[in-house]
Amino acid sequence: MSLRYPYKMSYRKLRGTFGPGGGPLARITRLRMVVTSLIRHERIETTWNKAAEARDYAELLIQRAIKNGDKHGPTMELADFWLLEKDLIHKLFKVLVPRFEKCPTAFTKMYRLPYVYPGKGREMGLLELKGNPWPPVLPEAIDKSKHINNVLLNAARQDFRMEQYKSMDMSSDGWHKESVSQMSAAMDTVAKGSGLEETVTDTESLLSDEIREEKEAQEMRELQRKIDSLKNRGKKKHRDEDDDDDDDGTYV
């Protein structure tokens, strides 16, 4: 299968490999150094292009090691080629393979680093192995559900829902009324136990004022809509009467 249009492949630019004129050998040597540093330290910072290209080779190396093991000749040759420090071959099969043998996703992660100013203006990246001993790059999310403002808002929200349930038309068997009363009693017990009864009551009164204002605004909009409808009806009737007066049987 061939493409219907010409496509020119553009390779990543790896600056500062080993000077000009190094060719593909210098490029591969630089990538081998990056892969070796990744397996050694499990987290490295380098340019984005180097990290993105070395990531593919590191993923392939770990995948082959998990699939074939240390008894497979081509896999051992592959590990011997990419790992410049030979003691890392033991780490690959004895440490990383047991860690990633049940990993269903990628074995590495990449992050973009901010530009350094003043600097060379290169796009920097961070490449790491999952499960490394270093602190996480992204901070863990802080649980704010126990903050006082969130507690008060949740309590007010639940009381407001209880009032809505009470105002609804319940069925004749009384089961809904009983469940609503039980939920309301439980919420009152929680509010009294936490010492937030007065604050919740104030919040509930504010919510009731907002609901009343919203109902009044809705009634005003409905009244204005009726007035506009009557005006439009009167204009239409007046226009029909003018059309009847003009229709006297003579045509030009």
C-alpha atoms as a PDB file:
ATOM      1  CA  MET A   1       0.000   0.000   0.000  1.00  0.00           C
ATOM      2  CA  SER A   2       1.458   3.360  -1.056  1.00  0.00           C
ATOM      3  CA  LEU A   3       0.457   6.897  -0.215  1.00  0.00           C
ATOM      4  CA  ARG A   4      -1.444   8.908  -2.806  1.00  0.00           C
ATOM      5  CA  TYR A   5       0.633  12.011  -2.157  1.00  0.00           C
ATOM      6  CA  PRO A   6       4.355  12.556  -1.554  1.00  0.00           C
ATOM      7  CA  TYR A   7       5.334  12.776   2.094  1.00  0.00           C
ATOM      8  CA  LYS A   8       8.732  13.855   3.313  1.00  0.00           C
ATOM      9  CA  MET A   9       9.639  12.405   6.693  1.00  0.00           C
ATOM     10  CA  SER A  10      11.181  14.899   9.087  1.00  0.00           C
ATOM     11  CA  TYR A  11      13.373  13.512  11.840  1.00  0.00           C
ATOM     12  CA  ARG A  12      13.756  15.015  15.265  1.00  0.00           C
ATOM     13  CA  LYS A  13      16.630  17.426  15.574  1.00  0.00           C
ATOM     14  CA  LEU A  14      19.038  16.307  18.273  1.00  0.00           C
ATOM     15  CA  ARG A  15      21.423  19.179  18.814  1.00  0.00           C
ATOM     16  CA  GLY A  16      24.688  18.807  20.609  1.00  0.00           C
ATOM     17  CA  THR A  17      25.174  15.101  19.918  1.00  0.00           C
ATOM     18  CA  PHE A  18      28.899  14.976  19.232  1.00  0.00           C
ATOM     19  CA  GLY A  19      29.468  17.992  17.038  1.00  0.00           C
ATOM     20  CA  PRO A  20      28.888  18.347  13.297  1.00  0.00           C
ATOM     21  CA  GLY A  21      29.670  15.449  11.041  1.00  0.00           C
ATOM     22  CA  GLY A  22      28.820  12.746  13.574  1.00  0.00           C
ATOM     23  CA  GLY A  23      26.152  11.213  11.384  1.00  0.00           C
ATOM     24  CA  PRO A  24      23.748   8.439  12.409  1.00  0.00           C
ATOM     25  CA  LEU A  25      26.354   6.767  14.629  1.00  0.00           C
ATOM     26  CA  ALA A  26      26.619   9.851  16.862  1.00  0.00           C
ATOM     27  CA  ARG A  27      22.835  10.063  17.012  1.00  0.00           C
ATOM     28  CA  ILE A  28      22.473   6.441  18.132  1.00  0.00           C
ATOM     29  CA  THR A  29      25.290   6.842  20.658  1.00  0.00           C
ATOM     30  CA  ARG A  30      23.551   9.837  22.214  1.00  0.00           C
ATOM     31  CA  LEU A  31      20.280   7.882  22.462  1.00  0.00           C
ATOM     32  CA  ARG A  32      22.117   4.960  24.081  1.00  0.00           C
ATOM     33  CA  MET A  33      23.470   7.346  26.711  1.00  0.00           C
ATOM     34  CA  VAL A  34      19.975   8.691  27.414  1.00  0.00           C
ATOM     35  CA  VAL A  35      18.486   5.185  27.751  1.00  0.00           C
ATOM     36  CA  THR A  36      21.339   4.151  30.061  1.00  0.00           C
ATOM     37  CA  SER A  37      20.792   7.211  32.263  1.00  0.00           C
ATOM     38  CA  LEU A  38      17.065   6.488  32.393  1.00  0.00           C
ATOM     39  CA  ILE A  39      17.565   2.911  33.545  1.00  0.00           C
ATOM     40  CA  ARG A  40      20.194   4.041  36.072  1.00  0.00           C
ATOM     41  CA  HIS A  41      18.438   7.028  37.685  1.00  0.00           C
ATOM     42  CA  GLU A  42      14.805   6.306  36.628  1.00  0.00           C
ATOM     43  CA  ARG A  43      14.240  10.042  36.100  1.00  0.00           C
ATOM     44  CA  ILE A  44      16.181  12.361  33.815  1.00  0.00           C
ATOM     45  CA  GLU A  45      15.847  15.877  32.428  1.00  0.00           C
ATOM     46  CA  THR A  46      16.951  16.544  28.872  1.00  0.00           C
ATOM     47  CA  THR A  47      15.663  18.179  25.722  1.00  0.00           C
ATOM     48  CA  TRP A  48      12.186  17.183  24.623  1.00  0.00           C
ATOM     49  CA  ASN A  49      13.336  15.641  21.347  1.00  0.00           C
ATOM     50  CA  LYS A  50      15.947  13.433  23.003  1.00  0.00           C
ATOM     51  CA  ALA A  51      13.514  12.293  25.669  1.00  0.00           C
ATOM     52  CA  ALA A  52      10.754  11.565  23.149  1.00  0.00           C
ATOM     53  CA  GLU A  53      13.003   9.488  20.898  1.00  0.00           C
ATOM     54  CA  ALA A  54      14.840   7.658  23.683  1.00  0.00           C
ATOM     55  CA  ARG A  55      11.505   6.799  25.267  1.00  0.00           C
ATOM     56  CA  ASP A  56      10.584   4.541  22.337  1.00  0.00           C
ATOM     57  CA  TYR A  57      13.789   2.524  22.657  1.00  0.00           C
ATOM     58  CA  ALA A  58      13.446   2.236  26.440  1.00  0.00           C
ATOM     59  CA  GLU A  59       9.846   1.015  26.098  1.00  0.00           C
ATOM     60  CA  LEU A  60      10.900  -1.547  23.496  1.00  0.00           C
ATOM     61  CA  LEU A  61      13.809  -2.755  25.633  1.00  0.00           C
ATOM     62  CA  ILE A  62      11.612  -3.314  28.704  1.00  0.00           C
ATOM     63  CA  GLN A  63       8.874  -4.939  26.636  1.00  0.00           C
ATOM     64  CA  ARG A  64      11.283  -7.443  25.068  1.00  0.00           C
ATOM     65  CA  ALA A  65      12.816  -8.183  28.464  1.00  0.00           C
ATOM     66  CA  ILE A  66       9.367  -8.955  29.927  1.00  0.00           C
ATOM     67  CA  LYS A  67       8.313 -11.076  26.969  1.00  0.00           C
ATOM     68  CA  ASN A  68      11.467 -13.138  26.375  1.00  0.00           C
ATOM     69  CA  GLY A  69      13.384 -13.106  29.662  1.00  0.00           C
ATOM     70  CA  ASP A  70      17.127 -13.299  30.246  1.00  0.00           C
ATOM     71  CA  LYS A  71      17.481 -16.699  28.530  1.00  0.00           C
ATOM     72  CA  HIS A  72      16.728 -15.281  25.075  1.00  0.00           C
ATOM     73  CA  GLY A  73      19.835 -14.539  23.044  1.00  0.00           C
ATOM     74  CA  PRO A  74      18.565 -11.655  20.840  1.00  0.00           C
ATOM     75  CA  THR A  75      17.036  -9.959  23.879  1.00  0.00           C
ATOM     76  CA  MET A  76      20.325 -10.148  25.754  1.00  0.00           C
ATOM     77  CA  GLU A  77      22.131  -8.698  22.733  1.00  0.00           C
ATOM     78  CA  LEU A  78      19.594  -5.869  22.601  1.00  0.00           C
ATOM     79  CA  ALA A  79      20.109  -5.101  26.299  1.00  0.00           C
ATOM     80  CA  ASP A  80      23.881  -5.280  25.874  1.00  0.00           C
ATOM     81  CA  PHE A  81      23.723  -2.792  22.992  1.00  0.00           C
ATOM     82  CA  TRP A  82      21.475  -0.158  24.616  1.00  0.00           C
ATOM     83  CA  LEU A  83      22.869  -0.294  28.142  1.00  0.00           C
ATOM     84  CA  LEU A  84      26.386   1.088  28.151  1.00  0.00           C
ATOM     85  CA  GLU A  85      26.849   0.257  31.841  1.00  0.00           C
ATOM     86  CA  LYS A  86      26.672  -3.520  31.969  1.00  0.00           C
ATOM     87  CA  ASP A  87      25.594  -3.763  35.608  1.00  0.00           C
ATOM     88  CA  LEU A  88      22.230  -2.326  34.514  1.00  0.00           C
ATOM     89  CA  ILE A  89      21.422  -5.537  32.639  1.00  0.00           C
ATOM     90  CA  HIS A  90      20.951  -7.230  35.993  1.00  0.00           C
ATOM     91  CA  LYS A  91      18.693  -4.347  37.125  1.00  0.00           C
ATOM     92  CA  LEU A  92      16.655  -4.635  33.931  1.00  0.00           C
ATOM     93  CA  PHE A  93      15.761  -8.298  34.440  1.00  0.00           C
ATOM     94  CA  LYS A  94      15.688  -8.499  38.239  1.00  0.00           C
ATOM     95  CA  VAL A  95      14.124  -5.141  39.167  1.00  0.00           C
ATOM     96  CA  LEU A  96      12.269  -3.613  36.226  1.00  0.00           C
ATOM     97  CA  VAL A  97      10.792  -6.789  34.751  1.00  0.00           C
ATOM     98  CA  PRO A  98       9.032  -7.803  38.015  1.00  0.00           C
ATOM     99  CA  ARG A  99       7.808  -4.212  38.412  1.00  0.00           C
ATOM    100  CA  PHE A 100       6.283  -3.882  34.945  1.00  0.00           C
ATOM    101  CA  GLU A 101       5.267  -7.450  34.079  1.00  0.00           C
ATOM    102  CA  LYS A 102       1.622  -6.721  35.003  1.00  0.00           C
ATOM    103  CA  CYS A 103       1.563  -3.108  33.824  1.00  0.00           C
ATOM    104  CA  PRO A 104      -1.136  -2.745  31.109  1.00  0.00           C
ATOM    105  CA  THR A 105       0.014   0.712  29.951  1.00  0.00           C
ATOM    106  CA  ALA A 106       3.285   2.431  29.128  1.00  0.00           C
ATOM    107  CA  PHE A 107       6.272   1.966  31.398  1.00  0.00           C
ATOM    108  CA  THR A 108       7.400   5.603  31.230  1.00  0.00           C
ATOM    109  CA  LYS A 109       5.973   9.091  31.660  1.00  0.00           C
ATOM    110  CA  MET A 110       6.941  12.382  30.044  1.00  0.00           C
ATOM    111  CA  TYR A 111       6.400  15.957  31.213  1.00  0.00           C
ATOM    112  CA  ARG A 112       7.172  19.288  29.596  1.00  0.00           C
ATOM    113  CA  LEU A 113       9.426  21.554  31.602  1.00  0.00           C
ATOM    114  CA  PRO A 114       9.242  25.372  31.566  1.00  0.00           C
ATOM    115  CA  TYR A 115      11.688  27.349  29.504  1.00  0.00           C
ATOM    116  CA  VAL A 116      14.804  28.528  31.288  1.00  0.00           C
ATOM    117  CA  TYR A 117      15.434  32.249  30.852  1.00  0.00           C
ATOM    118  CA  PRO A 118      18.046  33.329  30.110  1.00  0.00           C
ATOM    119  CA  GLY A 119      19.065  30.178  28.332  1.00  0.00           C
ATOM    120  CA  LYS A 120      19.380  28.501  24.975  1.00  0.00           C
ATOM    121  CA  GLY A 121      15.632  28.483  24.358  1.00  0.00           C
ATOM    122  CA  ARG A 122      15.360  24.731  23.940  1.00  0.00           C
ATOM    123  CA  GLU A 123      12.229  22.845  24.821  1.00  0.00           C
ATOM    124  CA  MET A 124      13.050  20.727  27.865  1.00  0.00           C
ATOM    125  CA  GLY A 125      11.331  17.576  29.046  1.00  0.00           C
ATOM    126  CA  LEU A 126      11.356  15.129  31.927  1.00  0.00           C
ATOM    127  CA  LEU A 127      11.377  11.372  31.304  1.00  0.00           C
ATOM    128  CA  GLU A 128      10.856   8.894  34.133  1.00  0.00           C
ATOM    129  CA  LEU A 129      10.041   5.268  34.808  1.00  0.00           C
ATOM    130  CA  LYS A 130       6.821   4.518  36.612  1.00  0.00           C
ATOM    131  CA  GLY A 131       7.218   3.425  40.200  1.00  0.00           C
ATOM    132  CA  ASN A 132      10.486   5.299  40.738  1.00  0.00           C
ATOM    133  CA  PRO A 133      11.532   6.267  44.285  1.00  0.00           C
ATOM    134  CA  TRP A 134      11.539  10.012  43.571  1.00  0.00           C
ATOM    135  CA  PRO A 135       8.784  12.387  44.752  1.00  0.00           C
ATOM    136  CA  PRO A 136       5.891  12.800  42.307  1.00  0.00           C
ATOM    137  CA  VAL A 137       6.231  15.483  39.652  1.00  0.00           C
ATOM    138  CA  LEU A 138       2.635  16.666  39.996  1.00  0.00           C
ATOM    139  CA  PRO A 139       1.406  17.415  43.535  1.00  0.00           C
ATOM    140  CA  GLU A 140      -1.346  15.244  44.920  1.00  0.00           C
ATOM    141  CA  ALA A 141      -4.831  16.735  44.983  1.00  0.00           C
ATOM    142  CA  ILE A 142      -5.792  18.175  48.366  1.00  0.00           C
ATOM    143  CA  ASP A 143      -9.023  16.882  49.871  1.00  0.00           C
ATOM    144  CA  LYS A 144     -11.127  19.985  50.583  1.00  0.00           C
ATOM    145  CA  SER A 145     -14.357  18.206  51.463  1.00  0.00           C
ATOM    146  CA  LYS A 146     -13.750  18.759  55.205  1.00  0.00           C
ATOM    147  CA  HIS A 147     -13.255  22.509  54.950  1.00  0.00           C
ATOM    148  CA  ILE A 148     -15.803  24.501  56.915  1.00  0.00           C
ATOM    149  CA  ASN A 149     -17.235  26.282  53.869  1.00  0.00           C
ATOM    150  CA  ASN A 150     -17.799  23.008  52.009  1.00  0.00           C
ATOM    151  CA  VAL A 151     -19.366  21.408  55.085  1.00  0.00           C
ATOM    152  CA  LEU A 152     -21.797  24.315  55.451  1.00  0.00           C
ATOM    153  CA  LEU A 153     -22.682  24.310  51.773  1.00  0.00           C
ATOM    154  CA  ASN A 154     -23.321  20.576  51.756  1.00  0.00           C
ATOM    155  CA  ALA A 155     -25.541  20.839  54.827  1.00  0.00           C
ATOM    156  CA  ALA A 156     -27.504  23.738  53.326  1.00  0.00           C
ATOM    157  CA  ARG A 157     -27.859  21.862  50.046  1.00  0.00           C
ATOM    158  CA  GLN A 158     -29.243  18.795  51.783  1.00  0.00           C
ATOM    159  CA  ASP A 159     -31.713  20.875  53.825  1.00  0.00           C
ATOM    160  CA  PHE A 160     -32.893  22.598  50.669  1.00  0.00           C
ATOM    161  CA  ARG A 161     -33.490  19.243  49.012  1.00  0.00           C
ATOM    162  CA  MET A 162     -35.416  18.054  52.047  1.00  0.00           C
ATOM    163  CA  GLU A 163     -37.715  21.060  51.761  1.00  0.00           C
ATOM    164  CA  GLN A 164     -38.252  20.315  48.084  1.00  0.00           C
ATOM    165  CA  TYR A 165     -39.114  16.706  48.862  1.00  0.00           C
ATOM    166  CA  LYS A 166     -41.603  17.799  51.518  1.00  0.00           C
ATOM    167  CA  SER A 167     -43.351  20.170  49.117  1.00  0.00           C
ATOM    168  CA  MET A 168     -43.771  17.509  46.456  1.00  0.00           C
ATOM    169  CA  ASP A 169     -46.987  15.557  46.124  1.00  0.00           C
ATOM    170  CA  MET A 170     -46.388  12.257  47.895  1.00  0.00           C
ATOM    171  CA  SER A 171     -48.128   9.011  47.088  1.00  0.00           C
ATOM    172  CA  SER A 172     -51.076   7.788  49.169  1.00  0.00           C
ATOM    173  CA  ASP A 173     -49.278   4.876  50.837  1.00  0.00           C
ATOM    174  CA  GLY A 174     -47.239   7.269  53.000  1.00  0.00           C
ATOM    175  CA  TRP A 175     -43.924   5.559  52.375  1.00  0.00           C
ATOM    176  CA  HIS A 176     -42.386   8.622  50.787  1.00  0.00           C
ATOM    177  CA  LYS A 177     -43.491  10.845  53.669  1.00  0.00           C
ATOM    178  CA  GLU A 178     -42.006   8.498  56.204  1.00  0.00           C
ATOM    179  CA  SER A 179     -38.674   8.289  54.381  1.00  0.00           C
ATOM    180  CA  VAL A 180     -38.501  12.069  54.013  1.00  0.00           C
ATOM    181  CA  SER A 181     -39.216  12.560  57.712  1.00  0.00           C
ATOM    182  CA  GLN A 182     -36.524  10.075  58.638  1.00  0.00           C
ATOM    183  CA  MET A 183     -33.992  11.797  56.392  1.00  0.00           C
ATOM    184  CA  SER A 184     -34.937  15.191  57.819  1.00  0.00           C
ATOM    185  CA  ALA A 185     -34.542  13.906  61.393  1.00  0.00           C
ATOM    186  CA  ALA A 186     -31.145  12.447  60.523  1.00  0.00           C
ATOM    187  CA  MET A 187     -29.984  15.739  59.010  1.00  0.00           C
ATOM    188  CA  ASP A 188     -31.147  17.628  62.107  1.00  0.00           C
ATOM    189  CA  THR A 189     -29.207  15.217  64.309  1.00  0.00           C
ATOM    190  CA  VAL A 190     -26.063  15.702  62.222  1.00  0.00           C
ATOM    191  CA  ALA A 191     -26.408  19.476  62.310  1.00  0.00           C
ATOM    192  CA  LYS A 192     -26.893  19.499  66.088  1.00  0.00           C
ATOM    193  CA  GLY A 193     -24.000  17.121  66.686  1.00  0.00           C
ATOM    194  CA  SER A 194     -21.594  19.181  64.604  1.00  0.00           C
ATOM    195  CA  GLY A 195     -22.603  22.509  66.169  1.00  0.00           C
ATOM    196  CA  LEU A 196     -23.605  23.972  62.814  1.00  0.00           C
ATOM    197  CA  GLU A 197     -27.364  24.279  63.434  1.00  0.00           C
ATOM    198  CA  GLU A 198     -27.425  28.072  63.656  1.00  0.00           C
ATOM    199  CA  THR A 199     -25.163  28.551  60.661  1.00  0.00           C
ATOM    200  CA  VAL A 200     -27.183  26.104  58.571  1.00  0.00           C
ATOM    201  CA  THR A 201     -30.415  27.876  59.576  1.00  0.00           C
ATOM    202  CA  ASP A 202     -28.972  31.208  58.431  1.00  0.00           C
ATOM    203  CA  THR A 203     -27.863  29.676  55.164  1.00  0.00           C
ATOM    204  CA  GLU A 204     -31.321  28.143  54.688  1.00  0.00           C
ATOM    205  CA  SER A 205     -33.006  31.525  55.233  1.00  0.00           C
ATOM    206  CA  LEU A 206     -30.706  33.074  52.638  1.00  0.00           C
ATOM    207  CA  LEU A 207     -31.592  30.333  50.186  1.00  0.00           C
ATOM    208  CA  SER A 208     -35.336  30.813  50.841  1.00  0.00           C
ATOM    209  CA  ASP A 209     -34.967  34.563  50.186  1.00  0.00           C
ATOM    210  CA  GLU A 210     -33.209  33.835  46.918  1.00  0.00           C
ATOM    211  CA  ILE A 211     -35.946  31.378  45.924  1.00  0.00           C
ATOM    212  CA  ARG A 212     -38.664  33.921  46.720  1.00  0.00           C
ATOM    213  CA  GLU A 213     -36.908  36.607  44.685  1.00  0.00           C
ATOM    214  CA  GLU A 214     -36.526  34.177  41.802  1.00  0.00           C
ATOM    215  CA  LYS A 215     -40.254  33.356  41.916  1.00  0.00           C
ATOM    216  CA  GLU A 216     -41.162  37.061  41.926  1.00  0.00           C
ATOM    217  CA  ALA A 217     -38.873  37.695  38.962  1.00  0.00           C
ATOM    218  CA  GLN A 218     -40.428  34.750  37.137  1.00  0.00           C
ATOM    219  CA  GLU A 219     -43.944  36.096  37.793  1.00  0.00           C
ATOM    220  CA  MET A 220     -42.905  39.521  36.491  1.00  0.00           C
ATOM    221  CA  ARG A 221     -41.490  37.954  33.327  1.00  0.00           C
ATOM    222  CA  GLU A 222     -44.696  35.976  32.824  1.00  0.00           C
ATOM    223  CA  LEU A 223     -46.821  39.129  33.286  1.00  0.00           C
ATOM    224  CA  GLN A 224     -44.635  41.046  30.841  1.00  0.00           C
ATOM    225  CA  ARG A 225     -44.978  38.212  28.350  1.00  0.00           C
ATOM    226  CA  LYS A 226     -48.781  38.363  28.609  1.00  0.00           C
ATOM    227  CA  ILE A 227     -48.774  42.149  28.131  1.00  0.00           C
ATOM    228  CA  ASP A 228     -46.580  41.815  25.038  1.00  0.00           C
ATOM    229  CA  SER A 229     -48.892  39.122  23.683  1.00  0.00           C
ATOM    230  CA  LEU A 230     -51.952  41.389  24.140  1.00  0.00           C
ATOM    231  CA  LYS A 231     -50.152  44.270  22.441  1.00  0.00           C
ATOM    232  CA  ASN A 232     -49.209  42.118  19.483  1.00  0.00           C
ATOM    233  CA  ARG A 233     -52.777  40.832  19.224  1.00  0.00           C
ATOM    234  CA  GLY A 234     -54.140  44.397  19.226  1.00  0.00           C
ATOM    235  CA  LYS A 235     -51.668  45.465  16.565  1.00  0.00           C
ATOM    236  CA  LYS A 236     -52.629  42.500  14.394  1.00  0.00           C
ATOM    237  CA  LYS A 237     -56.350  43.243  14.795  1.00  0.00           C
ATOM    238  CA  HIS A 238     -55.815  46.894  13.913  1.00  0.00           C
ATOM    239  CA  ARG A 239     -53.813  45.901  10.845  1.00  0.00           C
ATOM    240  CA  ASP A 240     -56.570  43.541   9.706  1.00  0.00           C
ATOM    241  CA  GLU A 241     -59.155  46.328  10.052  1.00  0.00           C
ATOM    242  CA  ASP A 242     -57.025  48.642   7.924  1.00  0.00           C
ATOM    243  CA  ASP A 243     -56.760  45.942   5.286  1.00  0.00           C
ATOM    244  CA  ASP A 244     -60.571  45.562   5.255  1.00  0.00           C
ATOM    245  CA  ASP A 245     -61.038  49.323   4.821  1.00  0.00           C
ATOM    246  CA  ASP A 246     -58.637  49.407   1.900  1.00  0.00           C
ATOM    247  CA  ASP A 247     -60.307  46.463   0.190  1.00  0.00           C
ATOM    248  CA  ASP A 248     -63.228  48.396  -1.479  1.00  0.00           C
ATOM    249  CA  GLY A 249     -63.414  46.348  -4.655  1.00  0.00           C
ATOM    250  CA  THR A 250     -61.329  48.654  -6.912  1.00  0.00           C
ATOM    251  CA  TYR A 251     -57.997  47.477  -8.184  1.00  0.00           C
ATOM    252  CA  VAL A 252     -55.372  49.464  -9.988  1.00  0.00           C
END
